[in-house]
Amino acid sequence: IENDTVRMGETVGGILGRRGISAVMVDRLDKAAQEVFPLRQIRADNAYTTFTRHTVDSLGEHDKVDYVVYHRNAIDYVVFGFVGDSVSVSLGSRPVNIVRQCREAVITSSLWGAIMEQELPYALAAEFEDIYQWTVDFFGIQEGDSFKVIYDQKYVDDVSVGIGRIWGAEFHHGGKTFYAIPYAQEEGKLRYWEANGESL
């Protein structure tokens, strides 16, 4: 088992060719992948894993690649198979564990600063800016402003791989409290109901 990374300017043919996969097999793979995961979608800096076995046949003793797994991200991957004379392409996902979090922080300089100080996911800042874009002036954040948020944290093998849904948030800014609660999903994106005051 060998782990490597797609380098800038590398082609799939070059990667596989160095591992003994013929140009004919690469061409067959390209055709087989069209409807599943086109090879042109492979990106530089993404990791891949090669599964090779040592074999002895009419050509002598050598290593043969059976599978190459391309990691699209921390969760999703593509398996390219070269077993026998056939090629195959299939998609897979690693199991994700969801842990609901309730976190809060007081802002001393900026929203980003508070998120970094509390070691919260950076994605929360972008989510806040999207949710509160019409009610909170993030360029006017003051020392003493604060927030509280309930969200899903995603883990793969105990490693954080991002956040999921934000279930609710409250933001204290300029002497007012702004609440946000998801209420509908539109074109794959949650919409949030917002209110300000002392209670919902």
C-alpha atoms as a PDB file:
ATOM      1  CA  ILE A   1       0.000   0.000   0.000  1.00  0.00           C
ATOM      2  CA  GLU A   2       1.515   3.316  -1.103  1.00  0.00           C
ATOM      3  CA  ASN A   3       0.196   6.820  -0.424  1.00  0.00           C
ATOM      4  CA  ASP A   4       1.034   9.727  -2.693  1.00  0.00           C
ATOM      5  CA  THR A   5      -0.286  13.095  -3.886  1.00  0.00           C
ATOM      6  CA  VAL A   6      -1.265  14.287  -7.347  1.00  0.00           C
ATOM      7  CA  ARG A   7       1.337  16.838  -8.382  1.00  0.00           C
ATOM      8  CA  MET A   8       0.755  19.959 -10.442  1.00  0.00           C
ATOM      9  CA  GLY A   9       0.859  19.124 -14.129  1.00  0.00           C
ATOM     10  CA  GLU A  10       0.614  15.365 -13.620  1.00  0.00           C
ATOM     11  CA  THR A  11      -1.740  13.357 -15.811  1.00  0.00           C
ATOM     12  CA  VAL A  12      -3.649  10.222 -14.897  1.00  0.00           C
ATOM     13  CA  GLY A  13      -1.813   8.429 -17.700  1.00  0.00           C
ATOM     14  CA  GLY A  14       1.527   9.472 -16.250  1.00  0.00           C
ATOM     15  CA  ILE A  15       0.617   8.384 -12.729  1.00  0.00           C
ATOM     16  CA  LEU A  16      -0.659   4.986 -13.861  1.00  0.00           C
ATOM     17  CA  GLY A  17       2.059   4.502 -16.476  1.00  0.00           C
ATOM     18  CA  ARG A  18       4.775   4.730 -13.826  1.00  0.00           C
ATOM     19  CA  ARG A  19       3.020   1.901 -12.034  1.00  0.00           C
ATOM     20  CA  GLY A  20       2.895  -0.421 -14.993  1.00  0.00           C
ATOM     21  CA  ILE A  21      -0.610   0.339 -16.299  1.00  0.00           C
ATOM     22  CA  SER A  22      -0.521   0.347 -20.110  1.00  0.00           C
ATOM     23  CA  ALA A  23      -1.823   3.166 -22.281  1.00  0.00           C
ATOM     24  CA  VAL A  24      -4.533   0.787 -23.563  1.00  0.00           C
ATOM     25  CA  MET A  25      -5.769   0.169 -20.014  1.00  0.00           C
ATOM     26  CA  VAL A  26      -5.685   3.906 -19.249  1.00  0.00           C
ATOM     27  CA  ASP A  27      -7.810   4.547 -22.338  1.00  0.00           C
ATOM     28  CA  ARG A  28     -10.299   1.872 -21.233  1.00  0.00           C
ATOM     29  CA  LEU A  29     -10.378   3.405 -17.770  1.00  0.00           C
ATOM     30  CA  ASP A  30     -11.045   6.851 -19.226  1.00  0.00           C
ATOM     31  CA  LYS A  31     -14.075   5.510 -21.119  1.00  0.00           C
ATOM     32  CA  ALA A  32     -15.362   3.552 -18.106  1.00  0.00           C
ATOM     33  CA  ALA A  33     -15.024   6.592 -15.845  1.00  0.00           C
ATOM     34  CA  GLN A  34     -17.016   9.008 -18.019  1.00  0.00           C
ATOM     35  CA  GLU A  35     -20.385   8.321 -16.392  1.00  0.00           C
ATOM     36  CA  VAL A  36     -19.044   7.759 -12.850  1.00  0.00           C
ATOM     37  CA  PHE A  37     -16.152  10.165 -12.248  1.00  0.00           C
ATOM     38  CA  PRO A  38     -14.467  11.685 -15.321  1.00  0.00           C
ATOM     39  CA  LEU A  39     -10.689  11.582 -14.985  1.00  0.00           C
ATOM     40  CA  ARG A  40     -10.441  15.302 -15.804  1.00  0.00           C
ATOM     41  CA  GLN A  41     -11.936  15.976 -12.362  1.00  0.00           C
ATOM     42  CA  ILE A  42      -8.788  14.724 -10.645  1.00  0.00           C
ATOM     43  CA  ARG A  43      -7.084  17.692  -8.999  1.00  0.00           C
ATOM     44  CA  ALA A  44      -3.507  18.482  -7.995  1.00  0.00           C
ATOM     45  CA  ASP A  45      -2.670  18.243  -4.261  1.00  0.00           C
ATOM     46  CA  ASN A  46      -5.313  15.567  -3.644  1.00  0.00           C
ATOM     47  CA  ALA A  47      -4.075  12.285  -2.214  1.00  0.00           C
ATOM     48  CA  TYR A  48      -4.319   8.822  -3.726  1.00  0.00           C
ATOM     49  CA  THR A  49      -3.489   5.324  -2.502  1.00  0.00           C
ATOM     50  CA  THR A  50      -2.097   2.521  -4.665  1.00  0.00           C
ATOM     51  CA  PHE A  51      -2.751  -1.130  -3.783  1.00  0.00           C
ATOM     52  CA  THR A  52      -0.107  -3.373  -5.351  1.00  0.00           C
ATOM     53  CA  ARG A  53       0.568  -7.088  -5.005  1.00  0.00           C
ATOM     54  CA  HIS A  54       3.700  -9.037  -5.765  1.00  0.00           C
ATOM     55  CA  THR A  55       3.021 -11.739  -8.339  1.00  0.00           C
ATOM     56  CA  VAL A  56       4.755 -14.347 -10.441  1.00  0.00           C
ATOM     57  CA  ASP A  57       3.413 -15.178 -13.898  1.00  0.00           C
ATOM     58  CA  SER A  58       4.589 -15.851 -17.442  1.00  0.00           C
ATOM     59  CA  LEU A  59       6.290 -12.447 -17.433  1.00  0.00           C
ATOM     60  CA  GLY A  60       8.309 -13.348 -14.367  1.00  0.00           C
ATOM     61  CA  GLU A  61       8.260 -11.836 -10.889  1.00  0.00           C
ATOM     62  CA  HIS A  62       6.841  -8.328 -10.646  1.00  0.00           C
ATOM     63  CA  ASP A  63       4.457  -5.996  -8.846  1.00  0.00           C
ATOM     64  CA  LYS A  64       0.938  -5.507 -10.221  1.00  0.00           C
ATOM     65  CA  VAL A  65      -1.438  -2.661  -9.373  1.00  0.00           C
ATOM     66  CA  ASP A  66      -4.916  -3.910  -8.460  1.00  0.00           C
ATOM     67  CA  TYR A  67      -6.518  -0.670  -7.247  1.00  0.00           C
ATOM     68  CA  VAL A  68      -5.864   3.050  -7.111  1.00  0.00           C
ATOM     69  CA  VAL A  69      -8.041   5.010  -4.680  1.00  0.00           C
ATOM     70  CA  TYR A  70      -8.313   8.740  -5.368  1.00  0.00           C
ATOM     71  CA  HIS A  71      -9.367  10.802  -2.344  1.00  0.00           C
ATOM     72  CA  ARG A  72     -11.712  13.551  -3.547  1.00  0.00           C
ATOM     73  CA  ASN A  73     -11.838  15.012  -0.029  1.00  0.00           C
ATOM     74  CA  ALA A  74     -11.654  13.788   3.565  1.00  0.00           C
ATOM     75  CA  ILE A  75     -14.893  11.821   3.111  1.00  0.00           C
ATOM     76  CA  ASP A  76     -15.438  10.839  -0.550  1.00  0.00           C
ATOM     77  CA  TYR A  77     -13.190   8.687  -2.720  1.00  0.00           C
ATOM     78  CA  VAL A  78     -13.088   6.933  -6.111  1.00  0.00           C
ATOM     79  CA  VAL A  79     -11.803   3.383  -6.615  1.00  0.00           C
ATOM     80  CA  PHE A  80     -10.151   2.564  -9.957  1.00  0.00           C
ATOM     81  CA  GLY A  81      -9.790  -1.216 -10.346  1.00  0.00           C
ATOM     82  CA  PHE A  82      -7.370  -3.129 -12.584  1.00  0.00           C
ATOM     83  CA  VAL A  83      -8.097  -6.729 -11.601  1.00  0.00           C
ATOM     84  CA  GLY A  84      -7.287  -9.177 -14.376  1.00  0.00           C
ATOM     85  CA  ASP A  85      -7.905  -7.662 -17.792  1.00  0.00           C
ATOM     86  CA  SER A  86     -10.866  -5.567 -16.674  1.00  0.00           C
ATOM     87  CA  VAL A  87     -11.143  -2.018 -15.411  1.00  0.00           C
ATOM     88  CA  SER A  88     -13.735  -0.657 -13.001  1.00  0.00           C
ATOM     89  CA  VAL A  89     -14.689   2.656 -11.427  1.00  0.00           C
ATOM     90  CA  SER A  90     -16.763   3.034  -8.259  1.00  0.00           C
ATOM     91  CA  LEU A  91     -17.524   5.745  -5.726  1.00  0.00           C
ATOM     92  CA  GLY A  92     -17.336   5.409  -1.960  1.00  0.00           C
ATOM     93  CA  SER A  93     -17.547   7.433   1.229  1.00  0.00           C
ATOM     94  CA  ARG A  94     -15.902   6.946   4.580  1.00  0.00           C
ATOM     95  CA  PRO A  95     -18.248   6.704   7.574  1.00  0.00           C
ATOM     96  CA  VAL A  96     -18.842  10.086   9.202  1.00  0.00           C
ATOM     97  CA  ASN A  97     -19.595  10.508  12.884  1.00  0.00           C
ATOM     98  CA  ILE A  98     -21.741  13.541  13.737  1.00  0.00           C
ATOM     99  CA  VAL A  99     -21.280  15.193  17.129  1.00  0.00           C
ATOM    100  CA  ARG A 100     -23.581  18.056  18.064  1.00  0.00           C
ATOM    101  CA  GLN A 101     -21.760  20.977  19.638  1.00  0.00           C
ATOM    102  CA  CYS A 102     -22.912  23.976  21.630  1.00  0.00           C
ATOM    103  CA  ARG A 103     -20.213  26.632  21.819  1.00  0.00           C
ATOM    104  CA  GLU A 104     -20.027  30.293  22.737  1.00  0.00           C
ATOM    105  CA  ALA A 105     -17.431  33.036  22.749  1.00  0.00           C
ATOM    106  CA  VAL A 106     -16.938  36.687  23.651  1.00  0.00           C
ATOM    107  CA  ILE A 107     -15.376  38.843  20.943  1.00  0.00           C
ATOM    108  CA  THR A 108     -12.326  40.900  21.914  1.00  0.00           C
ATOM    109  CA  SER A 109     -11.174  42.006  18.456  1.00  0.00           C
ATOM    110  CA  SER A 110     -13.021  40.348  15.579  1.00  0.00           C
ATOM    111  CA  LEU A 111     -15.274  37.405  14.789  1.00  0.00           C
ATOM    112  CA  TRP A 112     -12.358  35.540  13.213  1.00  0.00           C
ATOM    113  CA  GLY A 113     -10.208  36.288  16.248  1.00  0.00           C
ATOM    114  CA  ALA A 114     -12.817  34.893  18.650  1.00  0.00           C
ATOM    115  CA  ILE A 115     -13.224  31.736  16.550  1.00  0.00           C
ATOM    116  CA  MET A 116      -9.457  31.174  16.501  1.00  0.00           C
ATOM    117  CA  GLU A 117      -9.091  31.835  20.236  1.00  0.00           C
ATOM    118  CA  GLN A 118     -11.785  29.281  21.064  1.00  0.00           C
ATOM    119  CA  GLU A 119     -10.387  26.805  18.473  1.00  0.00           C
ATOM    120  CA  LEU A 120     -13.714  26.672  16.673  1.00  0.00           C
ATOM    121  CA  PRO A 121     -14.083  25.594  13.020  1.00  0.00           C
ATOM    122  CA  TYR A 122     -13.161  28.447  10.650  1.00  0.00           C
ATOM    123  CA  ALA A 123     -16.238  27.600   8.576  1.00  0.00           C
ATOM    124  CA  LEU A 124     -18.412  29.053  11.338  1.00  0.00           C
ATOM    125  CA  ALA A 125     -17.288  32.580  10.423  1.00  0.00           C
ATOM    126  CA  ALA A 126     -18.498  32.178   6.839  1.00  0.00           C
ATOM    127  CA  GLU A 127     -21.745  30.625   8.061  1.00  0.00           C
ATOM    128  CA  PHE A 128     -22.368  33.531  10.463  1.00  0.00           C
ATOM    129  CA  GLU A 129     -21.710  36.072   7.723  1.00  0.00           C
ATOM    130  CA  ASP A 130     -24.178  34.272   5.464  1.00  0.00           C
ATOM    131  CA  ILE A 131     -26.892  33.804   8.118  1.00  0.00           C
ATOM    132  CA  TYR A 132     -26.688  37.332   9.554  1.00  0.00           C
ATOM    133  CA  GLN A 133     -25.797  39.206   6.374  1.00  0.00           C
ATOM    134  CA  TRP A 134     -28.868  41.461   6.648  1.00  0.00           C
ATOM    135  CA  THR A 135     -28.882  42.052  10.413  1.00  0.00           C
ATOM    136  CA  VAL A 136     -25.314  42.180  11.757  1.00  0.00           C
ATOM    137  CA  ASP A 137     -22.620  44.581  10.566  1.00  0.00           C
ATOM    138  CA  PHE A 138     -19.530  42.400  10.867  1.00  0.00           C
ATOM    139  CA  PHE A 139     -17.290  45.371  10.063  1.00  0.00           C
ATOM    140  CA  GLY A 140     -18.761  47.098  13.099  1.00  0.00           C
ATOM    141  CA  ILE A 141     -18.123  44.303  15.597  1.00  0.00           C
ATOM    142  CA  GLN A 142     -17.292  45.711  19.020  1.00  0.00           C
ATOM    143  CA  GLU A 143     -15.335  44.364  21.947  1.00  0.00           C
ATOM    144  CA  GLY A 144     -17.769  42.604  24.254  1.00  0.00           C
ATOM    145  CA  ASP A 145     -20.061  41.350  21.469  1.00  0.00           C
ATOM    146  CA  SER A 146     -20.628  37.618  21.761  1.00  0.00           C
ATOM    147  CA  PHE A 147     -22.265  34.636  20.115  1.00  0.00           C
ATOM    148  CA  LYS A 148     -23.606  31.200  20.901  1.00  0.00           C
ATOM    149  CA  VAL A 149     -24.128  28.489  18.300  1.00  0.00           C
ATOM    150  CA  ILE A 150     -25.394  24.903  18.087  1.00  0.00           C
ATOM    151  CA  TYR A 151     -23.965  22.980  15.133  1.00  0.00           C
ATOM    152  CA  ASP A 152     -22.982  19.513  13.916  1.00  0.00           C
ATOM    153  CA  GLN A 153     -19.283  18.684  13.831  1.00  0.00           C
ATOM    154  CA  LYS A 154     -18.222  15.969  11.364  1.00  0.00           C
ATOM    155  CA  TYR A 155     -15.522  13.435  12.265  1.00  0.00           C
ATOM    156  CA  VAL A 156     -13.830  10.670  10.280  1.00  0.00           C
ATOM    157  CA  ASP A 157     -11.700   8.378  12.454  1.00  0.00           C
ATOM    158  CA  ASP A 158     -11.756  10.998  15.239  1.00  0.00           C
ATOM    159  CA  VAL A 159     -10.405  13.659  12.869  1.00  0.00           C
ATOM    160  CA  SER A 160     -12.547  16.746  12.273  1.00  0.00           C
ATOM    161  CA  VAL A 161     -13.554  17.064   8.604  1.00  0.00           C
ATOM    162  CA  GLY A 162     -15.832  20.089   8.735  1.00  0.00           C
ATOM    163  CA  ILE A 163     -19.204  21.154  10.017  1.00  0.00           C
ATOM    164  CA  GLY A 164     -22.729  20.187   9.063  1.00  0.00           C
ATOM    165  CA  ARG A 165     -26.001  21.879   9.872  1.00  0.00           C
ATOM    166  CA  ILE A 166     -26.217  24.862  12.173  1.00  0.00           C
ATOM    167  CA  TRP A 167     -29.251  24.227  14.365  1.00  0.00           C
ATOM    168  CA  GLY A 168     -29.451  27.637  15.957  1.00  0.00           C
ATOM    169  CA  ALA A 169     -27.461  30.700  16.861  1.00  0.00           C
ATOM    170  CA  GLU A 170     -27.684  33.884  18.833  1.00  0.00           C
ATOM    171  CA  PHE A 171     -25.497  36.901  18.279  1.00  0.00           C
ATOM    172  CA  HIS A 172     -25.162  39.771  20.770  1.00  0.00           C
ATOM    173  CA  HIS A 173     -24.148  42.918  18.924  1.00  0.00           C
ATOM    174  CA  GLY A 174     -24.564  46.600  19.697  1.00  0.00           C
ATOM    175  CA  GLY A 175     -26.757  45.945  22.716  1.00  0.00           C
ATOM    176  CA  LYS A 176     -29.168  43.733  20.763  1.00  0.00           C
ATOM    177  CA  THR A 177     -29.586  39.977  20.562  1.00  0.00           C
ATOM    178  CA  PHE A 178     -30.163  38.388  17.154  1.00  0.00           C
ATOM    179  CA  TYR A 179     -31.449  34.820  16.899  1.00  0.00           C
ATOM    180  CA  ALA A 180     -31.318  32.512  13.887  1.00  0.00           C
ATOM    181  CA  ILE A 181     -33.131  29.196  13.458  1.00  0.00           C
ATOM    182  CA  PRO A 182     -33.238  27.061  10.263  1.00  0.00           C
ATOM    183  CA  TYR A 183     -36.772  26.698   8.927  1.00  0.00           C
ATOM    184  CA  ALA A 184     -36.596  25.578   5.293  1.00  0.00           C
ATOM    185  CA  GLN A 185     -34.316  24.222   2.643  1.00  0.00           C
ATOM    186  CA  GLU A 186     -34.208  25.857  -0.773  1.00  0.00           C
ATOM    187  CA  GLU A 187     -32.151  24.473  -3.666  1.00  0.00           C
ATOM    188  CA  GLY A 188     -30.020  22.432  -1.265  1.00  0.00           C
ATOM    189  CA  LYS A 189     -29.386  25.356   1.085  1.00  0.00           C
ATOM    190  CA  LEU A 190     -30.922  26.091   4.475  1.00  0.00           C
ATOM    191  CA  ARG A 191     -32.765  29.333   5.046  1.00  0.00           C
ATOM    192  CA  TYR A 192     -32.822  30.926   8.497  1.00  0.00           C
ATOM    193  CA  TRP A 193     -35.560  32.707  10.377  1.00  0.00           C
ATOM    194  CA  GLU A 194     -34.123  35.699  12.210  1.00  0.00           C
ATOM    195  CA  ALA A 195     -35.463  37.704  15.121  1.00  0.00           C
ATOM    196  CA  ASN A 196     -34.054  40.200  17.570  1.00  0.00           C
ATOM    197  CA  GLY A 197     -35.117  40.797  21.140  1.00  0.00           C
ATOM    198  CA  GLU A 198     -34.743  39.206  24.541  1.00  0.00           C
ATOM    199  CA  SER A 199     -36.451  35.905  23.672  1.00  0.00           C
ATOM    200  CA  LEU A 200     -37.923  33.950  20.777  1.00  0.00           C
END
